[in-house]
Amino acid sequence: MEKKTRKILRSNERCAGCGLCVLTCSFFNFGVFGMSRSFMRLERDDRTTSFVLSIDDGCKSCGECVRACAYKALRWEDEDPRSRS
């Protein structure tokens, strides 16, 4: 039986650009704290001055980034966005 992988959804509107999701991902997946060693990417859109999150194809959906995000910019696909405190 094939295991279903949960999908992580991003909300760039909620992202404050703190980078905690990126650093958490790098630590749990690569054993280092580094913005370049992560499955998460964080960029600033200079036109709109907002932040843009992206997730690389290598993401294992461990969910550490979801747990680390204090701004609720990341959530599980099947999670009600109002349910996280």
Protein backbone atom coordinates (compact mmCIF):
# COMPACT_ATOMS: atom_id res chain seq x y z
CA MET A 1 0.00 0.00 0.00
CA GLU A 2 1.37 3.40 -1.01
CA LYS A 3 1.84 5.99 1.72
CA LYS A 4 0.11 9.29 0.93
CA THR A 5 2.32 12.33 1.38
CA ARG A 6 0.68 15.36 2.91
CA LYS A 7 1.15 18.57 0.99
CA ILE A 8 2.41 21.77 2.59
CA LEU A 9 0.66 24.94 1.44
CA ARG A 10 2.24 28.40 1.49
CA SER A 11 0.63 31.76 2.14
CA ASN A 12 3.00 34.48 1.00
CA GLU A 13 0.60 37.11 2.31
CA ARG A 14 1.20 35.88 5.88
CA CYS A 15 4.98 35.50 5.53
CA ALA A 16 6.99 38.00 7.61
CA GLY A 17 10.31 36.96 6.06
CA CYS A 18 11.87 35.83 9.35
CA GLY A 19 13.46 32.74 7.71
CA LEU A 20 12.72 30.42 10.63
CA CYS A 21 11.09 27.87 8.32
CA VAL A 22 14.18 27.80 6.11
CA LEU A 23 16.59 27.41 9.03
CA THR A 24 14.42 24.75 10.69
CA CYS A 25 14.29 22.79 7.45
CA SER A 26 18.05 22.97 7.02
CA PHE A 27 18.67 21.76 10.57
CA PHE A 28 16.23 18.84 10.50
CA ASN A 29 17.19 17.69 7.00
CA PHE A 30 20.90 18.55 6.72
CA GLY A 31 22.07 19.00 10.32
CA VAL A 32 23.13 22.62 9.81
CA PHE A 33 21.54 26.03 10.13
CA GLY A 34 21.92 27.55 6.68
CA MET A 35 19.69 29.40 4.26
CA SER A 36 21.34 27.65 1.30
CA ARG A 37 21.00 24.12 2.75
CA SER A 38 17.23 23.81 2.90
CA PHE A 39 14.29 22.56 0.87
CA MET A 40 12.60 25.90 1.60
CA ARG A 41 13.46 29.08 -0.29
CA LEU A 42 12.66 32.61 0.82
CA GLU A 43 12.98 35.57 -1.51
CA ARG A 44 11.91 39.19 -1.28
CA ASP A 45 9.88 40.65 -4.13
CA ASP A 46 11.34 44.15 -4.44
CA ARG A 47 8.38 45.31 -6.50
CA THR A 48 5.82 44.56 -3.81
CA THR A 49 8.20 44.40 -0.80
CA SER A 50 6.58 41.10 0.16
CA PHE A 51 8.24 37.73 0.71
CA VAL A 52 7.85 34.70 -1.52
CA LEU A 53 8.21 31.18 -0.11
CA SER A 54 8.90 28.19 -2.30
CA ILE A 55 9.46 24.52 -1.55
CA ASP A 56 11.93 22.43 -3.54
CA ASP A 57 10.98 19.08 -5.08
CA GLY A 58 13.24 17.27 -2.58
CA CYS A 59 10.94 18.20 0.34
CA LYS A 60 10.06 15.13 2.43
CA SER A 61 6.98 16.80 3.99
CA CYS A 62 8.34 16.26 7.50
CA GLY A 63 6.38 19.33 8.65
CA GLU A 64 9.06 20.92 10.80
CA CYS A 65 8.69 24.16 8.84
CA VAL A 66 4.93 24.15 9.47
CA ARG A 67 5.52 23.77 13.22
CA ALA A 68 8.20 26.49 13.21
CA CYS A 69 6.14 29.18 11.46
CA ALA A 70 4.68 31.60 14.01
CA TYR A 71 2.90 33.58 11.28
CA LYS A 72 0.85 30.65 9.92
CA ALA A 73 2.34 31.16 6.46
CA LEU A 74 2.71 27.38 6.15
CA ARG A 75 0.05 24.78 6.78
CA TRP A 76 -0.96 21.27 5.79
CA GLU A 77 -3.27 20.97 2.80
CA ASP A 78 -5.91 19.17 4.86
CA GLU A 79 -5.66 21.57 7.84
CA ASP A 80 -8.22 24.27 8.52
CA PRO A 81 -6.22 27.55 8.55
CA ARG A 82 -8.29 28.80 11.49
CA SER A 83 -7.45 25.77 13.64
CA ARG A 84 -3.80 26.66 14.40
CA SER A 85 -3.19 28.80 17.44
